[in-house]
Amino acid sequence: MLTPKKNGPGGDFFSELSHRHHGEPAKAWGRKPLSQILRQARESRKLSLQEVARLTRIPVKYLHLLEGVGDKQLLAEPLSRISSLRRYSAFLNLNPDIAVTQFIAELEKSGFIKKLYESK
């Protein structure tokens, strides 16, 4: 089971990785941007974004955003994409809990979470 640790072994965010992640070491996944992990997992299955959208019923524009491309104006509400992220990561055979944890960690690192709380 995944245990989030901001200062885990080797400075990684995760202390261990689920077996569902194709055997890729936890350290490598913790250092790569989530968007890159998602894109690489999709490309390794030789799927286009349009195919994934059809199979998962996730709009292509959300898939673009999750993979780090697309209209940056839609980034104003990144927390609204967690449901799509969970579905997409499960479809790619990645652990959805780890994906969401990394997504939130990346938002924290970018300062988005702090800005969100300051605006309330």
PDB file of N, CA and C in Angstrom:
ATOM      1  N   MET A   1       0.833  -1.188   0.000  1.00  0.00           N
ATOM      2  CA  MET A   1       0.000   0.000   0.000  1.00  0.00           C
ATOM      3  C   MET A   1       0.866   1.235   0.000  1.00  0.00           C
ATOM      4  N   LEU A   2       0.447   2.262  -0.650  1.00  0.00           N
ATOM      5  CA  LEU A   2       1.175   3.520  -0.753  1.00  0.00           C
ATOM      6  C   LEU A   2       1.088   4.291   0.545  1.00  0.00           C
ATOM      7  N   THR A   3       2.217   4.814   0.983  1.00  0.00           N
ATOM      8  CA  THR A   3       2.243   5.693   2.135  1.00  0.00           C
ATOM      9  C   THR A   3       2.878   7.002   1.714  1.00  0.00           C
ATOM     10  N   PRO A   4       2.096   8.111   1.645  1.00  0.00           N
ATOM     11  CA  PRO A   4       2.694   9.387   1.263  1.00  0.00           C
ATOM     12  C   PRO A   4       3.676   9.852   2.327  1.00  0.00           C
ATOM     13  N   LYS A   5       4.848  10.229   1.890  1.00  0.00           N
ATOM     14  CA  LYS A   5       5.875  10.771   2.769  1.00  0.00           C
ATOM     15  C   LYS A   5       6.592  11.865   2.017  1.00  0.00           C
ATOM     16  N   LYS A   6       6.402  13.101   2.418  1.00  0.00           N
ATOM     17  CA  LYS A   6       7.073  14.189   1.714  1.00  0.00           C
ATOM     18  C   LYS A   6       8.584  14.051   1.786  1.00  0.00           C
ATOM     19  N   ASN A   7       9.094  13.515   2.872  1.00  0.00           N
ATOM     20  CA  ASN A   7      10.541  13.360   3.015  1.00  0.00           C
ATOM     21  C   ASN A   7      10.899  11.895   3.155  1.00  0.00           C
ATOM     22  N   GLY A   8      10.343  11.095   2.286  1.00  0.00           N
ATOM     23  CA  GLY A   8      10.594   9.659   2.306  1.00  0.00           C
ATOM     24  C   GLY A   8      12.022   9.329   1.930  1.00  0.00           C
ATOM     25  N   PRO A   9      12.355   8.060   1.880  1.00  0.00           N
ATOM     26  CA  PRO A   9      13.711   7.647   1.530  1.00  0.00           C
ATOM     27  C   PRO A   9      14.149   8.250   0.199  1.00  0.00           C
ATOM     28  N   GLY A  10      15.309   8.828   0.191  1.00  0.00           N
ATOM     29  CA  GLY A  10      15.831   9.421  -1.038  1.00  0.00           C
ATOM     30  C   GLY A  10      15.143  10.735  -1.399  1.00  0.00           C
ATOM     31  N   GLY A  11      14.343  11.276  -0.480  1.00  0.00           N
ATOM     32  CA  GLY A  11      13.667  12.538  -0.758  1.00  0.00           C
ATOM     33  C   GLY A  11      12.437  12.397  -1.630  1.00  0.00           C
ATOM     34  N   ASP A  12      12.036  11.171  -1.924  1.00  0.00           N
ATOM     35  CA  ASP A  12      10.868  10.961  -2.771  1.00  0.00           C
ATOM     36  C   ASP A  12       9.594  11.233  -1.997  1.00  0.00           C
ATOM     37  N   PHE A  13       8.518  11.482  -2.726  1.00  0.00           N
ATOM     38  CA  PHE A  13       7.241  11.749  -2.096  1.00  0.00           C
ATOM     39  C   PHE A  13       6.575  10.461  -1.645  1.00  0.00           C
ATOM     40  N   PHE A  14       6.861   9.346  -2.298  1.00  0.00           N
ATOM     41  CA  PHE A  14       6.198   8.093  -1.989  1.00  0.00           C
ATOM     42  C   PHE A  14       7.165   7.127  -1.337  1.00  0.00           C
ATOM     43  N   SER A  15       6.664   6.382  -0.351  1.00  0.00           N
ATOM     44  CA  SER A  15       7.523   5.415   0.312  1.00  0.00           C
ATOM     45  C   SER A  15       7.541   4.075  -0.408  1.00  0.00           C
ATOM     46  N   GLU A  16       6.463   3.754  -1.125  1.00  0.00           N
ATOM     47  CA  GLU A  16       6.441   2.529  -1.919  1.00  0.00           C
ATOM     48  C   GLU A  16       5.405   2.682  -3.017  1.00  0.00           C
ATOM     49  N   LEU A  17       5.392   1.747  -3.922  1.00  0.00           N
ATOM     50  CA  LEU A  17       4.533   1.836  -5.093  1.00  0.00           C
ATOM     51  C   LEU A  17       3.683   0.594  -5.215  1.00  0.00           C
ATOM     52  N   SER A  18       2.470   0.763  -5.642  1.00  0.00           N
ATOM     53  CA  SER A  18       1.577  -0.370  -5.862  1.00  0.00           C
ATOM     54  C   SER A  18       2.143  -1.273  -6.959  1.00  0.00           C
ATOM     55  N   HIS A  19       1.828  -2.541  -6.886  1.00  0.00           N
ATOM     56  CA  HIS A  19       2.280  -3.484  -7.904  1.00  0.00           C
ATOM     57  C   HIS A  19       1.592  -3.262  -9.239  1.00  0.00           C
ATOM     58  N   ARG A  20       0.557  -2.429  -9.289  1.00  0.00           N
ATOM     59  CA  ARG A  20      -0.184  -2.209 -10.522  1.00  0.00           C
ATOM     60  C   ARG A  20       0.560  -1.307 -11.491  1.00  0.00           C
ATOM     61  N   HIS A  21       1.701  -0.760 -11.120  1.00  0.00           N
ATOM     62  CA  HIS A  21       2.366   0.222 -11.963  1.00  0.00           C
ATOM     63  C   HIS A  21       3.435  -0.377 -12.860  1.00  0.00           C
ATOM     64  N   HIS A  22       3.222  -1.552 -13.385  1.00  0.00           N
ATOM     65  CA  HIS A  22       4.118  -2.184 -14.359  1.00  0.00           C
ATOM     66  C   HIS A  22       5.542  -2.320 -13.858  1.00  0.00           C
ATOM     67  N   GLY A  23       5.757  -2.383 -12.548  1.00  0.00           N
ATOM     68  CA  GLY A  23       7.081  -2.624 -12.016  1.00  0.00           C
ATOM     69  C   GLY A  23       8.037  -1.454 -12.080  1.00  0.00           C
ATOM     70  N   GLU A  24       7.591  -0.283 -12.488  1.00  0.00           N
ATOM     71  CA  GLU A  24       8.486   0.871 -12.526  1.00  0.00           C
ATOM     72  C   GLU A  24       8.803   1.288 -11.097  1.00  0.00           C
ATOM     73  N   PRO A  25      10.071   1.561 -10.781  1.00  0.00           N
ATOM     74  CA  PRO A  25      10.433   1.910  -9.410  1.00  0.00           C
ATOM     75  C   PRO A  25       9.697   3.155  -8.923  1.00  0.00           C
ATOM     76  N   ALA A  26       9.368   3.154  -7.642  1.00  0.00           N
ATOM     77  CA  ALA A  26       8.658   4.284  -7.039  1.00  0.00           C
ATOM     78  C   ALA A  26       9.457   5.572  -7.170  1.00  0.00           C
ATOM     79  N   LYS A  27      10.768   5.481  -7.033  1.00  0.00           N
ATOM     80  CA  LYS A  27      11.591   6.686  -7.129  1.00  0.00           C
ATOM     81  C   LYS A  27      11.439   7.348  -8.488  1.00  0.00           C
ATOM     82  N   ALA A  28      11.423   6.565  -9.550  1.00  0.00           N
ATOM     83  CA  ALA A  28      11.291   7.131 -10.894  1.00  0.00           C
ATOM     84  C   ALA A  28       9.930   7.784 -11.071  1.00  0.00           C
ATOM     85  N   TRP A  29       8.863   7.147 -10.548  1.00  0.00           N
ATOM     86  CA  TRP A  29       7.531   7.716 -10.714  1.00  0.00           C
ATOM     87  C   TRP A  29       7.390   8.984  -9.897  1.00  0.00           C
ATOM     88  N   GLY A  30       7.979   9.029  -8.716  1.00  0.00           N
ATOM     89  CA  GLY A  30       7.901  10.210  -7.871  1.00  0.00           C
ATOM     90  C   GLY A  30       8.626  11.412  -8.457  1.00  0.00           C
ATOM     91  N   ARG A  31       9.614  11.197  -9.282  1.00  0.00           N
ATOM     92  CA  ARG A  31      10.391  12.299  -9.856  1.00  0.00           C
ATOM     93  C   ARG A  31       9.843  12.791 -11.184  1.00  0.00           C
ATOM     94  N   LYS A  32       9.144  11.945 -11.904  1.00  0.00           N
ATOM     95  CA  LYS A  32       8.595  12.345 -13.198  1.00  0.00           C
ATOM     96  C   LYS A  32       7.303  13.116 -12.978  1.00  0.00           C
ATOM     97  N   PRO A  33       7.045  14.123 -13.811  1.00  0.00           N
ATOM     98  CA  PRO A  33       5.733  14.781 -13.724  1.00  0.00           C
ATOM     99  C   PRO A  33       4.631  13.786 -14.063  1.00  0.00           C
ATOM    100  N   LEU A  34       3.519  13.910 -13.370  1.00  0.00           N
ATOM    101  CA  LEU A  34       2.400  13.003 -13.590  1.00  0.00           C
ATOM    102  C   LEU A  34       1.959  13.013 -15.043  1.00  0.00           C
ATOM    103  N   SER A  35       1.953  14.182 -15.662  1.00  0.00           N
ATOM    104  CA  SER A  35       1.534  14.279 -17.065  1.00  0.00           C
ATOM    105  C   SER A  35       2.400  13.390 -17.955  1.00  0.00           C
ATOM    106  N   GLN A  36       3.693  13.336 -17.671  1.00  0.00           N
ATOM    107  CA  GLN A  36       4.607  12.503 -18.457  1.00  0.00           C
ATOM    108  C   GLN A  36       4.345  11.018 -18.206  1.00  0.00           C
ATOM    109  N   ILE A  37       4.059  10.653 -16.974  1.00  0.00           N
ATOM    110  CA  ILE A  37       3.770   9.262 -16.641  1.00  0.00           C
ATOM    111  C   ILE A  37       2.525   8.795 -17.383  1.00  0.00           C
ATOM    112  N   LEU A  38       1.483   9.632 -17.368  1.00  0.00           N
ATOM    113  CA  LEU A  38       0.234   9.283 -18.043  1.00  0.00           C
ATOM    114  C   LEU A  38       0.445   9.126 -19.545  1.00  0.00           C
ATOM    115  N   ARG A  39       1.136  10.094 -20.142  1.00  0.00           N
ATOM    116  CA  ARG A  39       1.377  10.048 -21.583  1.00  0.00           C
ATOM    117  C   ARG A  39       2.187   8.812 -21.975  1.00  0.00           C
ATOM    118  N   GLN A  40       3.245   8.525 -21.216  1.00  0.00           N
ATOM    119  CA  GLN A  40       4.078   7.363 -21.524  1.00  0.00           C
ATOM    120  C   GLN A  40       3.300   6.056 -21.372  1.00  0.00           C
ATOM    121  N   ALA A  41       2.455   5.975 -20.343  1.00  0.00           N
ATOM    122  CA  ALA A  41       1.653   4.760 -20.156  1.00  0.00           C
ATOM    123  C   ALA A  41       0.689   4.579 -21.323  1.00  0.00           C
ATOM    124  N   ARG A  42       0.067   5.679 -21.762  1.00  0.00           N
ATOM    125  CA  ARG A  42      -0.861   5.593 -22.903  1.00  0.00           C
ATOM    126  C   ARG A  42      -0.117   5.214 -24.172  1.00  0.00           C
ATOM    127  N   GLU A  43       1.015   5.863 -24.430  1.00  0.00           N
ATOM    128  CA  GLU A  43       1.781   5.583 -25.643  1.00  0.00           C
ATOM    129  C   GLU A  43       2.332   4.160 -25.641  1.00  0.00           C
ATOM    130  N   SER A  44       2.675   3.633 -24.473  1.00  0.00           N
ATOM    131  CA  SER A  44       3.185   2.257 -24.423  1.00  0.00           C
ATOM    132  C   SER A  44       2.100   1.254 -24.813  1.00  0.00           C
ATOM    133  N   ARG A  45       0.839   1.652 -24.659  1.00  0.00           N
ATOM    134  CA  ARG A  45      -0.283   0.808 -25.071  1.00  0.00           C
ATOM    135  C   ARG A  45      -0.724   1.120 -26.497  1.00  0.00           C
ATOM    136  N   LYS A  46       0.004   2.053 -27.145  1.00  0.00           N
ATOM    137  CA  LYS A  46      -0.256   2.436 -28.539  1.00  0.00           C
ATOM    138  C   LYS A  46      -1.700   2.921 -28.741  1.00  0.00           C
ATOM    139  N   LEU A  47      -2.127   3.794 -27.820  1.00  0.00           N
ATOM    140  CA  LEU A  47      -3.467   4.374 -27.886  1.00  0.00           C
ATOM    141  C   LEU A  47      -3.382   5.864 -28.166  1.00  0.00           C
ATOM    142  N   SER A  48      -4.279   6.364 -28.981  1.00  0.00           N
ATOM    143  CA  SER A  48      -4.377   7.806 -29.201  1.00  0.00           C
ATOM    144  C   SER A  48      -5.286   8.398 -28.125  1.00  0.00           C
ATOM    145  N   LEU A  49      -5.199   9.717 -27.957  1.00  0.00           N
ATOM    146  CA  LEU A  49      -6.091  10.370 -27.005  1.00  0.00           C
ATOM    147  C   LEU A  49      -7.553  10.197 -27.405  1.00  0.00           C
ATOM    148  N   GLN A  50      -7.813  10.204 -28.696  1.00  0.00           N
ATOM    149  CA  GLN A  50      -9.186  10.031 -29.174  1.00  0.00           C
ATOM    150  C   GLN A  50      -9.719   8.632 -28.820  1.00  0.00           C
ATOM    151  N   GLU A  51      -8.865   7.619 -28.938  1.00  0.00           N
ATOM    152  CA  GLU A  51      -9.279   6.262 -28.572  1.00  0.00           C
ATOM    153  C   GLU A  51      -9.568   6.177 -27.072  1.00  0.00           C
ATOM    154  N   VAL A  52      -8.683   6.787 -26.272  1.00  0.00           N
ATOM    155  CA  VAL A  52      -8.875   6.769 -24.828  1.00  0.00           C
ATOM    156  C   VAL A  52     -10.170   7.492 -24.465  1.00  0.00           C
ATOM    157  N   ALA A  53     -10.424   8.632 -25.094  1.00  0.00           N
ATOM    158  CA  ALA A  53     -11.648   9.390 -24.825  1.00  0.00           C
ATOM    159  C   ALA A  53     -12.880   8.541 -25.129  1.00  0.00           C
ATOM    160  N   ARG A  54     -12.837   7.826 -26.226  1.00  0.00           N
ATOM    161  CA  ARG A  54     -13.961   6.972 -26.613  1.00  0.00           C
ATOM    162  C   ARG A  54     -14.165   5.832 -25.611  1.00  0.00           C
ATOM    163  N   LEU A  55     -13.069   5.223 -25.175  1.00  0.00           N
ATOM    164  CA  LEU A  55     -13.153   4.071 -24.279  1.00  0.00           C
ATOM    165  C   LEU A  55     -13.482   4.451 -22.837  1.00  0.00           C
ATOM    166  N   THR A  56     -13.029   5.612 -22.394  1.00  0.00           N
ATOM    167  CA  THR A  56     -13.212   6.015 -20.996  1.00  0.00           C
ATOM    168  C   THR A  56     -14.328   7.033 -20.802  1.00  0.00           C
ATOM    169  N   ARG A  57     -14.756   7.637 -21.898  1.00  0.00           N
ATOM    170  CA  ARG A  57     -15.751   8.720 -21.853  1.00  0.00           C
ATOM    171  C   ARG A  57     -15.241   9.951 -21.112  1.00  0.00           C
ATOM    172  N   ILE A  58     -13.921  10.127 -21.122  1.00  0.00           N
ATOM    173  CA  ILE A  58     -13.302  11.340 -20.590  1.00  0.00           C
ATOM    174  C   ILE A  58     -13.098  12.266 -21.773  1.00  0.00           C
ATOM    175  N   PRO A  59     -13.569  13.507 -21.691  1.00  0.00           N
ATOM    176  CA  PRO A  59     -13.391  14.429 -22.821  1.00  0.00           C
ATOM    177  C   PRO A  59     -11.915  14.596 -23.198  1.00  0.00           C
ATOM    178  N   VAL A  60     -11.654  14.678 -24.494  1.00  0.00           N
ATOM    179  CA  VAL A  60     -10.279  14.822 -24.991  1.00  0.00           C
ATOM    180  C   VAL A  60      -9.604  16.037 -24.360  1.00  0.00           C
ATOM    181  N   LYS A  61     -10.345  17.135 -24.162  1.00  0.00           N
ATOM    182  CA  LYS A  61      -9.721  18.333 -23.587  1.00  0.00           C
ATOM    183  C   LYS A  61      -9.196  18.056 -22.175  1.00  0.00           C
ATOM    184  N   TYR A  62      -9.889  17.207 -21.401  1.00  0.00           N
ATOM    185  CA  TYR A  62      -9.390  16.840 -20.071  1.00  0.00           C
ATOM    186  C   TYR A  62      -8.169  15.930 -20.181  1.00  0.00           C
ATOM    187  N   LEU A  63      -8.183  15.017 -21.136  1.00  0.00           N
ATOM    188  CA  LEU A  63      -7.021  14.156 -21.340  1.00  0.00           C
ATOM    189  C   LEU A  63      -5.804  14.988 -21.729  1.00  0.00           C
ATOM    190  N   HIS A  64      -6.015  15.988 -22.589  1.00  0.00           N
ATOM    191  CA  HIS A  64      -4.920  16.893 -22.959  1.00  0.00           C
ATOM    192  C   HIS A  64      -4.354  17.578 -21.711  1.00  0.00           C
ATOM    193  N   LEU A  65      -5.228  18.069 -20.859  1.00  0.00           N
ATOM    194  CA  LEU A  65      -4.783  18.752 -19.643  1.00  0.00           C
ATOM    195  C   LEU A  65      -4.051  17.804 -18.702  1.00  0.00           C
ATOM    196  N   LEU A  66      -4.558  16.596 -18.543  1.00  0.00           N
ATOM    197  CA  LEU A  66      -3.914  15.628 -17.661  1.00  0.00           C
ATOM    198  C   LEU A  66      -2.538  15.235 -18.177  1.00  0.00           C
ATOM    199  N   GLU A  67      -2.367  15.290 -19.496  1.00  0.00           N
ATOM    200  CA  GLU A  67      -1.063  14.962 -20.084  1.00  0.00           C
ATOM    201  C   GLU A  67      -0.195  16.203 -20.288  1.00  0.00           C
ATOM    202  N   GLY A  68      -0.638  17.342 -19.785  1.00  0.00           N
ATOM    203  CA  GLY A  68       0.203  18.535 -19.775  1.00  0.00           C
ATOM    204  C   GLY A  68       0.126  19.405 -21.005  1.00  0.00           C
ATOM    205  N   VAL A  69      -0.881  19.213 -21.853  1.00  0.00           N
ATOM    206  CA  VAL A  69      -1.076  20.079 -23.020  1.00  0.00           C
ATOM    207  C   VAL A  69      -2.519  20.560 -23.001  1.00  0.00           C
ATOM    208  N   GLY A  70      -2.810  21.569 -23.756  1.00  0.00           N
ATOM    209  CA  GLY A  70      -4.192  22.036 -23.820  1.00  0.00           C
ATOM    210  C   GLY A  70      -4.313  23.471 -23.377  1.00  0.00           C
ATOM    211  N   ASP A  71      -5.538  23.928 -23.291  1.00  0.00           N
ATOM    212  CA  ASP A  71      -5.857  25.309 -22.963  1.00  0.00           C
ATOM    213  C   ASP A  71      -5.523  25.590 -21.499  1.00  0.00           C
ATOM    214  N   LYS A  72      -4.542  26.434 -21.270  1.00  0.00           N
ATOM    215  CA  LYS A  72      -4.100  26.735 -19.914  1.00  0.00           C
ATOM    216  C   LYS A  72      -5.172  27.462 -19.097  1.00  0.00           C
ATOM    217  N   GLN A  73      -6.161  28.076 -19.735  1.00  0.00           N
ATOM    218  CA  GLN A  73      -7.238  28.736 -19.004  1.00  0.00           C
ATOM    219  C   GLN A  73      -8.051  27.722 -18.212  1.00  0.00           C
ATOM    220  N   LEU A  74      -8.107  26.497 -18.661  1.00  0.00           N
ATOM    221  CA  LEU A  74      -8.854  25.461 -17.961  1.00  0.00           C
ATOM    222  C   LEU A  74      -8.124  24.995 -16.706  1.00  0.00           C
ATOM    223  N   LEU A  75      -6.891  25.466 -16.503  1.00  0.00           N
ATOM    224  CA  LEU A  75      -6.125  25.077 -15.323  1.00  0.00           C
ATOM    225  C   LEU A  75      -6.619  25.777 -14.067  1.00  0.00           C
ATOM    226  N   ALA A  76      -7.534  26.734 -14.206  1.00  0.00           N
ATOM    227  CA  ALA A  76      -8.031  27.484 -13.056  1.00  0.00           C
ATOM    228  C   ALA A  76      -8.703  26.572 -12.031  1.00  0.00           C
ATOM    229  N   GLU A  77      -9.264  25.473 -12.454  1.00  0.00           N
ATOM    230  CA  GLU A  77      -9.947  24.544 -11.556  1.00  0.00           C
ATOM    231  C   GLU A  77      -9.354  23.136 -11.658  1.00  0.00           C
ATOM    232  N   PRO A  78      -8.074  22.963 -11.326  1.00  0.00           N
ATOM    233  CA  PRO A  78      -7.462  21.644 -11.504  1.00  0.00           C
ATOM    234  C   PRO A  78      -8.059  20.566 -10.603  1.00  0.00           C
ATOM    235  N   LEU A  79      -8.586  20.947  -9.436  1.00  0.00           N
ATOM    236  CA  LEU A  79      -9.140  19.926  -8.549  1.00  0.00           C
ATOM    237  C   LEU A  79     -10.379  19.270  -9.136  1.00  0.00           C
ATOM    238  N   SER A  80     -11.022  19.951 -10.073  1.00  0.00           N
ATOM    239  CA  SER A  80     -12.206  19.374 -10.715  1.00  0.00           C
ATOM    240  C   SER A  80     -11.841  18.214 -11.640  1.00  0.00           C
ATOM    241  N   ARG A  81     -10.553  18.045 -11.935  1.00  0.00           N
ATOM    242  CA  ARG A  81     -10.114  16.967 -12.826  1.00  0.00           C
ATOM    243  C   ARG A  81      -9.750  15.683 -12.087  1.00  0.00           C
ATOM    244  N   ILE A  82      -9.888  15.661 -10.770  1.00  0.00           N
ATOM    245  CA  ILE A  82      -9.484  14.478 -10.007  1.00  0.00           C
ATOM    246  C   ILE A  82     -10.299  13.252 -10.403  1.00  0.00           C
ATOM    247  N   SER A  83     -11.575  13.419 -10.620  1.00  0.00           N
ATOM    248  CA  SER A  83     -12.412  12.285 -11.033  1.00  0.00           C
ATOM    249  C   SER A  83     -11.919  11.695 -12.358  1.00  0.00           C
ATOM    250  N   SER A  84     -11.631  12.569 -13.319  1.00  0.00           N
ATOM    251  CA  SER A  84     -11.118  12.108 -14.614  1.00  0.00           C
ATOM    252  C   SER A  84      -9.745  11.465 -14.448  1.00  0.00           C
ATOM    253  N   LEU A  85      -8.916  12.034 -13.590  1.00  0.00           N
ATOM    254  CA  LEU A  85      -7.585  11.482 -13.345  1.00  0.00           C
ATOM    255  C   LEU A  85      -7.686  10.076 -12.761  1.00  0.00           C
ATOM    256  N   ARG A  86      -8.593   9.873 -11.825  1.00  0.00           N
ATOM    257  CA  ARG A  86      -8.766   8.547 -11.228  1.00  0.00           C
ATOM    258  C   ARG A  86      -9.186   7.530 -12.298  1.00  0.00           C
ATOM    259  N   ARG A  87     -10.132   7.916 -13.122  1.00  0.00           N
ATOM    260  CA  ARG A  87     -10.626   7.008 -14.169  1.00  0.00           C
ATOM    261  C   ARG A  87      -9.526   6.726 -15.198  1.00  0.00           C
ATOM    262  N   TYR A  88      -8.805   7.783 -15.603  1.00  0.00           N
ATOM    263  CA  TYR A  88      -7.750   7.635 -16.613  1.00  0.00           C
ATOM    264  C   TYR A  88      -6.613   6.765 -16.089  1.00  0.00           C
ATOM    265  N   SER A  89      -6.170   7.018 -14.865  1.00  0.00           N
ATOM    266  CA  SER A  89      -5.060   6.233 -14.325  1.00  0.00           C
ATOM    267  C   SER A  89      -5.464   4.764 -14.150  1.00  0.00           C
ATOM    268  N   ALA A  90      -6.703   4.506 -13.710  1.00  0.00           N
ATOM    269  CA  ALA A  90      -7.166   3.119 -13.593  1.00  0.00           C
ATOM    270  C   ALA A  90      -7.212   2.454 -14.971  1.00  0.00           C
ATOM    271  N   PHE A  91      -7.665   3.182 -15.974  1.00  0.00           N
ATOM    272  CA  PHE A  91      -7.699   2.660 -17.344  1.00  0.00           C
ATOM    273  C   PHE A  91      -6.300   2.279 -17.815  1.00  0.00           C
ATOM    274  N   LEU A  92      -5.297   3.087 -17.440  1.00  0.00           N
ATOM    275  CA  LEU A  92      -3.912   2.831 -17.839  1.00  0.00           C
ATOM    276  C   LEU A  92      -3.223   1.801 -16.940  1.00  0.00           C
ATOM    277  N   ASN A  93      -3.975   1.243 -15.992  1.00  0.00           N
ATOM    278  CA  ASN A  93      -3.444   0.267 -15.049  1.00  0.00           C
ATOM    279  C   ASN A  93      -2.445   0.887 -14.076  1.00  0.00           C
ATOM    280  N   LEU A  94      -2.612   2.163 -13.784  1.00  0.00           N
ATOM    281  CA  LEU A  94      -1.817   2.849 -12.776  1.00  0.00           C
ATOM    282  C   LEU A  94      -2.680   2.973 -11.530  1.00  0.00           C
ATOM    283  N   ASN A  95      -2.078   3.033 -10.388  1.00  0.00           N
ATOM    284  CA  ASN A  95      -2.828   3.148  -9.141  1.00  0.00           C
ATOM    285  C   ASN A  95      -3.439   4.546  -9.043  1.00  0.00           C
ATOM    286  N   PRO A  96      -4.777   4.659  -9.045  1.00  0.00           N
ATOM    287  CA  PRO A  96      -5.421   5.975  -8.985  1.00  0.00           C
ATOM    288  C   PRO A  96      -5.081   6.767  -7.721  1.00  0.00           C
ATOM    289  N   ASP A  97      -4.914   6.079  -6.594  1.00  0.00           N
ATOM    290  CA  ASP A  97      -4.583   6.776  -5.351  1.00  0.00           C
ATOM    291  C   ASP A  97      -3.213   7.439  -5.435  1.00  0.00           C
ATOM    292  N   ILE A  98      -2.264   6.733  -6.017  1.00  0.00           N
ATOM    293  CA  ILE A  98      -0.923   7.300  -6.181  1.00  0.00           C
ATOM    294  C   ILE A  98      -0.975   8.476  -7.152  1.00  0.00           C
ATOM    295  N   ALA A  99      -1.729   8.321  -8.233  1.00  0.00           N
ATOM    296  CA  ALA A  99      -1.841   9.395  -9.227  1.00  0.00           C
ATOM    297  C   ALA A  99      -2.428  10.656  -8.597  1.00  0.00           C
ATOM    298  N   VAL A 100      -3.484  10.513  -7.814  1.00  0.00           N
ATOM    299  CA  VAL A 100      -4.113  11.673  -7.173  1.00  0.00           C
ATOM    300  C   VAL A 100      -3.165  12.290  -6.155  1.00  0.00           C
ATOM    301  N   THR A 101      -2.474  11.452  -5.397  1.00  0.00           N
ATOM    302  CA  THR A 101      -1.516  11.970  -4.417  1.00  0.00           C
ATOM    303  C   THR A 101      -0.422  12.777  -5.108  1.00  0.00           C
ATOM    304  N   GLN A 102       0.091  12.260  -6.217  1.00  0.00           N
ATOM    305  CA  GLN A 102       1.134  12.991  -6.933  1.00  0.00           C
ATOM    306  C   GLN A 102       0.566  14.262  -7.557  1.00  0.00           C
ATOM    307  N   PHE A 103      -0.645  14.202  -8.083  1.00  0.00           N
ATOM    308  CA  PHE A 103      -1.305  15.371  -8.675  1.00  0.00           C
ATOM    309  C   PHE A 103      -1.414  16.490  -7.639  1.00  0.00           C
ATOM    310  N   ILE A 104      -1.871  16.142  -6.441  1.00  0.00           N
ATOM    311  CA  ILE A 104      -2.021  17.144  -5.383  1.00  0.00           C
ATOM    312  C   ILE A 104      -0.657  17.655  -4.927  1.00  0.00           C
ATOM    313  N   ALA A 105       0.323  16.765  -4.850  1.00  0.00           N
ATOM    314  CA  ALA A 105       1.681  17.185  -4.481  1.00  0.00           C
ATOM    315  C   ALA A 105       2.234  18.178  -5.497  1.00  0.00           C
ATOM    316  N   GLU A 106       1.976  17.928  -6.788  1.00  0.00           N
ATOM    317  CA  GLU A 106       2.445  18.845  -7.823  1.00  0.00           C
ATOM    318  C   GLU A 106       1.713  20.182  -7.729  1.00  0.00           C
ATOM    319  N   LEU A 107       0.423  20.157  -7.378  1.00  0.00           N
ATOM    320  CA  LEU A 107      -0.315  21.409  -7.180  1.00  0.00           C
ATOM    321  C   LEU A 107       0.248  22.186  -5.998  1.00  0.00           C
ATOM    322  N   GLU A 108       0.570  21.479  -4.917  1.00  0.00           N
ATOM    323  CA  GLU A 108       1.169  22.129  -3.748  1.00  0.00           C
ATOM    324  C   GLU A 108       2.509  22.759  -4.112  1.00  0.00           C
ATOM    325  N   LYS A 109       3.303  22.015  -4.846  1.00  0.00           N
ATOM    326  CA  LYS A 109       4.631  22.510  -5.242  1.00  0.00           C
ATOM    327  C   LYS A 109       4.519  23.754  -6.125  1.00  0.00           C
ATOM    328  N   SER A 110       3.475  23.797  -6.962  1.00  0.00           N
ATOM    329  CA  SER A 110       3.293  24.947  -7.845  1.00  0.00           C
ATOM    330  C   SER A 110       2.714  26.157  -7.112  1.00  0.00           C
ATOM    331  N   GLY A 111       2.267  25.946  -5.880  1.00  0.00           N
ATOM    332  CA  GLY A 111       1.687  27.045  -5.111  1.00  0.00           C
ATOM    333  C   GLY A 111       0.186  27.182  -5.285  1.00  0.00           C
ATOM    334  N   PHE A 112      -0.433  26.319  -6.076  1.00  0.00           N
ATOM    335  CA  PHE A 112      -1.874  26.429  -6.328  1.00  0.00           C
ATOM    336  C   PHE A 112      -2.692  26.247  -5.057  1.00  0.00           C
ATOM    337  N   ILE A 113      -2.362  25.263  -4.240  1.00  0.00           N
ATOM    338  CA  ILE A 113      -3.133  24.980  -3.029  1.00  0.00           C
ATOM    339  C   ILE A 113      -3.066  26.175  -2.081  1.00  0.00           C
ATOM    340  N   LYS A 114      -1.904  26.746  -1.934  1.00  0.00           N
ATOM    341  CA  LYS A 114      -1.740  27.910  -1.047  1.00  0.00           C
ATOM    342  C   LYS A 114      -2.609  29.068  -1.552  1.00  0.00           C
ATOM    343  N   LYS A 115      -2.591  29.313  -2.856  1.00  0.00           N
ATOM    344  CA  LYS A 115      -3.409  30.374  -3.431  1.00  0.00           C
ATOM    345  C   LYS A 115      -4.892  30.115  -3.228  1.00  0.00           C
ATOM    346  N   LEU A 116      -5.278  28.847  -3.335  1.00  0.00           N
ATOM    347  CA  LEU A 116      -6.672  28.457  -3.156  1.00  0.00           C
ATOM    348  C   LEU A 116      -7.143  28.806  -1.746  1.00  0.00           C
ATOM    349  N   TYR A 117      -6.337  28.474  -0.742  1.00  0.00           N
ATOM    350  CA  TYR A 117      -6.702  28.755   0.644  1.00  0.00           C
ATOM    351  C   TYR A 117      -6.642  30.247   0.952  1.00  0.00           C
ATOM    352  N   GLU A 118      -5.724  30.966   0.346  1.00  0.00           N
ATOM    353  CA  GLU A 118      -5.615  32.409   0.575  1.00  0.00           C
ATOM    354  C   GLU A 118      -6.811  33.162   0.005  1.00  0.00           C
ATOM    355  N   SER A 119      -7.405  32.618  -1.067  1.00  0.00           N
ATOM    356  CA  SER A 119      -8.522  33.308  -1.698  1.00  0.00           C
ATOM    357  C   SER A 119      -9.833  33.123  -0.935  1.00  0.00           C
ATOM    358  N   LYS A 120      -9.857  32.218   0.042  1.00  0.00           N
ATOM    359  CA  LYS A 120     -11.103  31.966   0.785  1.00  0.00           C
ATOM    360  C   LYS A 120     -11.171  32.765   2.041  1.00  0.00           C
TER     361      LYS A 120
END
